[in-house]
């Protein structure tokens, strides 16, 4: 069984830090582009259906 990497040494190489920051940026841009809307409810019966 391998030991988990030490957090202080995990990001010491620039490649890993760059890949991590690219992933975070990709997720942020995706969430900004997607239009997630809450469905509008007209009466109380539709709320129960949700």
PDB file of N, CA and C in Angstrom:
ATOM      1  N   UNK A   1       0.851  -1.172   0.000  1.00  0.00           N
ATOM      2  CA  UNK A   1       0.000   0.000   0.000  1.00  0.00           C
ATOM      3  C   UNK A   1       0.900   1.240   0.000  1.00  0.00           C
ATOM      4  N   UNK A   2       0.619   2.165  -0.896  1.00  0.00           N
ATOM      5  CA  UNK A   2       1.460   3.357  -0.983  1.00  0.00           C
ATOM      6  C   UNK A   2       0.996   4.411  -0.012  1.00  0.00           C
ATOM      7  N   UNK A   3       1.949   5.189   0.415  1.00  0.00           N
ATOM      8  CA  UNK A   3       1.669   6.272   1.348  1.00  0.00           C
ATOM      9  C   UNK A   3       1.138   7.477   0.577  1.00  0.00           C
ATOM     10  N   UNK A   4       0.120   8.178   1.080  1.00  0.00           N
ATOM     11  CA  UNK A   4      -0.376   9.363   0.365  1.00  0.00           C
ATOM     12  C   UNK A   4       0.694  10.443   0.325  1.00  0.00           C
ATOM     13  N   UNK A   5       0.708  11.236  -0.751  1.00  0.00           N
ATOM     14  CA  UNK A   5       1.739  12.271  -0.854  1.00  0.00           C
ATOM     15  C   UNK A   5       1.565  13.348   0.202  1.00  0.00           C
ATOM     16  N   UNK A   6       2.684  13.853   0.635  1.00  0.00           N
ATOM     17  CA  UNK A   6       2.697  14.953   1.600  1.00  0.00           C
ATOM     18  C   UNK A   6       2.209  16.212   0.884  1.00  0.00           C
ATOM     19  N   UNK A   7       1.227  16.939   1.419  1.00  0.00           N
ATOM     20  CA  UNK A   7       0.711  18.129   0.729  1.00  0.00           C
ATOM     21  C   UNK A   7       1.776  19.179   0.443  1.00  0.00           C
ATOM     22  N   UNK A   8       2.785  19.268   1.277  1.00  0.00           N
ATOM     23  CA  UNK A   8       3.812  20.281   1.042  1.00  0.00           C
ATOM     24  C   UNK A   8       4.733  19.905  -0.106  1.00  0.00           C
ATOM     25  N   UNK A   9       4.901  18.614  -0.385  1.00  0.00           N
ATOM     26  CA  UNK A   9       5.773  18.207  -1.488  1.00  0.00           C
ATOM     27  C   UNK A   9       4.986  17.923  -2.763  1.00  0.00           C
ATOM     28  N   UNK A  10       3.662  17.812  -2.676  1.00  0.00           N
ATOM     29  CA  UNK A  10       2.857  17.477  -3.844  1.00  0.00           C
ATOM     30  C   UNK A  10       2.921  18.567  -4.909  1.00  0.00           C
ATOM     31  N   UNK A  11       2.896  19.826  -4.500  1.00  0.00           N
ATOM     32  CA  UNK A  11       2.877  20.936  -5.460  1.00  0.00           C
ATOM     33  C   UNK A  11       4.246  21.572  -5.656  1.00  0.00           C
ATOM     34  N   UNK A  12       5.307  20.881  -5.274  1.00  0.00           N
ATOM     35  CA  UNK A  12       6.640  21.462  -5.457  1.00  0.00           C
ATOM     36  C   UNK A  12       7.072  21.452  -6.914  1.00  0.00           C
ATOM     37  N   UNK A  13       6.612  20.505  -7.683  1.00  0.00           N
ATOM     38  CA  UNK A  13       6.974  20.494  -9.095  1.00  0.00           C
ATOM     39  C   UNK A  13       6.012  21.405  -9.849  1.00  0.00           C
ATOM     40  N   UNK A  14       6.525  22.229 -10.740  1.00  0.00           N
ATOM     41  CA  UNK A  14       5.661  23.188 -11.448  1.00  0.00           C
ATOM     42  C   UNK A  14       4.597  22.524 -12.318  1.00  0.00           C
ATOM     43  N   UNK A  15       4.875  21.346 -12.832  1.00  0.00           N
ATOM     44  CA  UNK A  15       3.904  20.668 -13.693  1.00  0.00           C
ATOM     45  C   UNK A  15       2.629  20.307 -12.957  1.00  0.00           C
ATOM     46  N   UNK A  16       2.767  19.832 -11.735  1.00  0.00           N
ATOM     47  CA  UNK A  16       1.585  19.454 -10.958  1.00  0.00           C
ATOM     48  C   UNK A  16       0.778  20.680 -10.563  1.00  0.00           C
ATOM     49  N   UNK A  17       1.449  21.728 -10.163  1.00  0.00           N
ATOM     50  CA  UNK A  17       0.743  22.953  -9.791  1.00  0.00           C
ATOM     51  C   UNK A  17       0.041  23.552 -10.999  1.00  0.00           C
ATOM     52  N   UNK A  18       0.700  23.510 -12.149  1.00  0.00           N
ATOM     53  CA  UNK A  18       0.093  24.037 -13.366  1.00  0.00           C
ATOM     54  C   UNK A  18      -1.127  23.206 -13.779  1.00  0.00           C
ATOM     55  N   UNK A  19      -1.041  21.897 -13.678  1.00  0.00           N
ATOM     56  CA  UNK A  19      -2.172  21.044 -14.023  1.00  0.00           C
ATOM     57  C   UNK A  19      -3.335  21.265 -13.063  1.00  0.00           C
ATOM     58  N   UNK A  20      -3.040  21.439 -11.782  1.00  0.00           N
ATOM     59  CA  UNK A  20      -4.087  21.691 -10.796  1.00  0.00           C
ATOM     60  C   UNK A  20      -4.784  23.015 -11.072  1.00  0.00           C
ATOM     61  N   UNK A  21      -4.007  24.065 -11.326  1.00  0.00           N
ATOM     62  CA  UNK A  21      -4.609  25.374 -11.582  1.00  0.00           C
ATOM     63  C   UNK A  21      -5.387  25.371 -12.899  1.00  0.00           C
ATOM     64  N   UNK A  22      -4.929  24.624 -13.900  1.00  0.00           N
ATOM     65  CA  UNK A  22      -5.679  24.506 -15.152  1.00  0.00           C
ATOM     66  C   UNK A  22      -7.015  23.819 -14.923  1.00  0.00           C
ATOM     67  N   UNK A  23      -7.023  22.808 -14.078  1.00  0.00           N
ATOM     68  CA  UNK A  23      -8.268  22.111 -13.767  1.00  0.00           C
ATOM     69  C   UNK A  23      -9.254  22.995 -13.035  1.00  0.00           C
ATOM     70  N   UNK A  24      -8.754  23.752 -12.067  1.00  0.00           N
ATOM     71  CA  UNK A  24      -9.622  24.668 -11.315  1.00  0.00           C
ATOM     72  C   UNK A  24     -10.193  25.734 -12.244  1.00  0.00           C
ATOM     73  N   UNK A  25      -9.374  26.268 -13.114  1.00  0.00           N
ATOM     74  CA  UNK A  25      -9.827  27.283 -14.066  1.00  0.00           C
ATOM     75  C   UNK A  25     -10.858  26.705 -15.037  1.00  0.00           C
ATOM     76  N   UNK A  26     -10.644  25.488 -15.498  1.00  0.00           N
ATOM     77  CA  UNK A  26     -11.593  24.861 -16.420  1.00  0.00           C
ATOM     78  C   UNK A  26     -12.955  24.655 -15.761  1.00  0.00           C
ATOM     79  N   UNK A  27     -12.961  24.238 -14.508  1.00  0.00           N
ATOM     80  CA  UNK A  27     -14.228  24.051 -13.795  1.00  0.00           C
ATOM     81  C   UNK A  27     -14.926  25.390 -13.595  1.00  0.00           C
ATOM     82  N   UNK A  28     -14.177  26.427 -13.235  1.00  0.00           N
ATOM     83  CA  UNK A  28     -14.766  27.747 -13.007  1.00  0.00           C
ATOM     84  C   UNK A  28     -15.376  28.303 -14.294  1.00  0.00           C
ATOM     85  N   UNK A  29     -14.668  28.176 -15.404  1.00  0.00           N
ATOM     86  CA  UNK A  29     -15.179  28.691 -16.679  1.00  0.00           C
ATOM     87  C   UNK A  29     -16.415  27.904 -17.107  1.00  0.00           C
ATOM     88  N   UNK A  30     -16.398  26.598 -16.894  1.00  0.00           N
ATOM     89  CA  UNK A  30     -17.560  25.774 -17.243  1.00  0.00           C
ATOM     90  C   UNK A  30     -18.784  26.200 -16.450  1.00  0.00           C
ATOM     91  N   UNK A  31     -18.612  26.443 -15.164  1.00  0.00           N
ATOM     92  CA  UNK A  31     -19.743  26.862 -14.340  1.00  0.00           C
ATOM     93  C   UNK A  31     -20.243  28.250 -14.740  1.00  0.00           C
ATOM     94  N   UNK A  32     -19.364  29.116 -15.193  1.00  0.00           N
ATOM     95  CA  UNK A  32     -19.786  30.440 -15.636  1.00  0.00           C
ATOM     96  C   UNK A  32     -20.540  30.385 -16.960  1.00  0.00           C
ATOM     97  N   UNK A  33     -20.166  29.460 -17.824  1.00  0.00           N
ATOM     98  CA  UNK A  33     -20.788  29.379 -19.146  1.00  0.00           C
ATOM     99  C   UNK A  33     -22.152  28.703 -19.078  1.00  0.00           C
ATOM    100  N   UNK A  34     -22.268  27.676 -18.247  1.00  0.00           N
ATOM    101  CA  UNK A  34     -23.540  26.952 -18.157  1.00  0.00           C
ATOM    102  C   UNK A  34     -24.622  27.855 -17.581  1.00  0.00           C
ATOM    103  N   UNK A  35     -25.779  27.791 -18.190  1.00  0.00           N
ATOM    104  CA  UNK A  35     -26.908  28.548 -17.669  1.00  0.00           C
ATOM    105  C   UNK A  35     -27.771  27.601 -16.855  1.00  0.00           C
ATOM    106  N   UNK A  36     -27.615  27.629 -15.558  1.00  0.00           N
ATOM    107  CA  UNK A  36     -28.398  26.780 -14.680  1.00  0.00           C
ATOM    108  C   UNK A  36     -29.506  27.643 -14.094  1.00  0.00           C
ATOM    109  N   UNK A  37     -30.722  27.292 -14.432  1.00  0.00           N
ATOM    110  CA  UNK A  37     -31.865  28.089 -13.976  1.00  0.00           C
ATOM    111  C   UNK A  37     -32.758  27.235 -13.088  1.00  0.00           C
ATOM    112  N   UNK A  38     -33.338  27.873 -12.109  1.00  0.00           N
ATOM    113  CA  UNK A  38     -34.322  27.226 -11.250  1.00  0.00           C
ATOM    114  C   UNK A  38     -35.658  27.289 -11.966  1.00  0.00           C
ATOM    115  N   UNK A  39     -36.347  26.158 -12.087  1.00  0.00           N
ATOM    116  CA  UNK A  39     -37.640  26.199 -12.772  1.00  0.00           C
ATOM    117  C   UNK A  39     -38.637  27.079 -12.027  1.00  0.00           C
ATOM    118  N   UNK A  40     -39.373  27.853 -12.786  1.00  0.00           N
ATOM    119  CA  UNK A  40     -40.357  28.733 -12.152  1.00  0.00           C
ATOM    120  C   UNK A  40     -41.580  27.928 -11.728  1.00  0.00           C
ATOM    121  N   UNK A  41     -42.129  28.290 -10.599  1.00  0.00           N
ATOM    122  CA  UNK A  41     -43.324  27.609 -10.096  1.00  0.00           C
ATOM    123  C   UNK A  41     -44.481  28.590 -10.106  1.00  0.00           C
ATOM    124  N   UNK A  42     -45.612  28.134 -10.602  1.00  0.00           N
ATOM    125  CA  UNK A  42     -46.775  29.002 -10.695  1.00  0.00           C
ATOM    126  C   UNK A  42     -47.757  28.795  -9.556  1.00  0.00           C
ATOM    127  N   UNK A  43     -47.788  27.599  -9.025  1.00  0.00           N
ATOM    128  CA  UNK A  43     -48.672  27.355  -7.898  1.00  0.00           C
ATOM    129  C   UNK A  43     -48.027  26.338  -6.953  1.00  0.00           C
ATOM    130  N   UNK A  44     -48.659  26.115  -5.813  1.00  0.00           N
ATOM    131  CA  UNK A  44     -48.084  25.263  -4.775  1.00  0.00           C
ATOM    132  C   UNK A  44     -48.022  23.795  -5.183  1.00  0.00           C
ATOM    133  N   UNK A  45     -48.867  23.360  -6.093  1.00  0.00           N
ATOM    134  CA  UNK A  45     -48.868  21.952  -6.469  1.00  0.00           C
ATOM    135  C   UNK A  45     -47.602  21.585  -7.248  1.00  0.00           C
ATOM    136  N   UNK A  46     -47.043  22.520  -8.016  1.00  0.00           N
ATOM    137  CA  UNK A  46     -45.827  22.211  -8.768  1.00  0.00           C
ATOM    138  C   UNK A  46     -44.615  22.122  -7.861  1.00  0.00           C
ATOM    139  N   UNK A  47     -44.619  22.785  -6.733  1.00  0.00           N
ATOM    140  CA  UNK A  47     -43.511  22.690  -5.799  1.00  0.00           C
ATOM    141  C   UNK A  47     -43.405  21.268  -5.258  1.00  0.00           C
ATOM    142  N   UNK A  48     -44.535  20.642  -4.986  1.00  0.00           N
ATOM    143  CA  UNK A  48     -44.528  19.272  -4.493  1.00  0.00           C
ATOM    144  C   UNK A  48     -44.041  18.308  -5.557  1.00  0.00           C
ATOM    145  N   UNK A  49     -44.275  18.626  -6.828  1.00  0.00           N
ATOM    146  CA  UNK A  49     -43.827  17.767  -7.907  1.00  0.00           C
ATOM    147  C   UNK A  49     -42.324  17.831  -8.106  1.00  0.00           C
ATOM    148  N   UNK A  50     -41.706  18.930  -7.723  1.00  0.00           N
ATOM    149  CA  UNK A  50     -40.260  19.059  -7.858  1.00  0.00           C
ATOM    150  C   UNK A  50     -39.591  18.145  -6.880  1.00  0.00           C
TER     151      UNK A  50
END
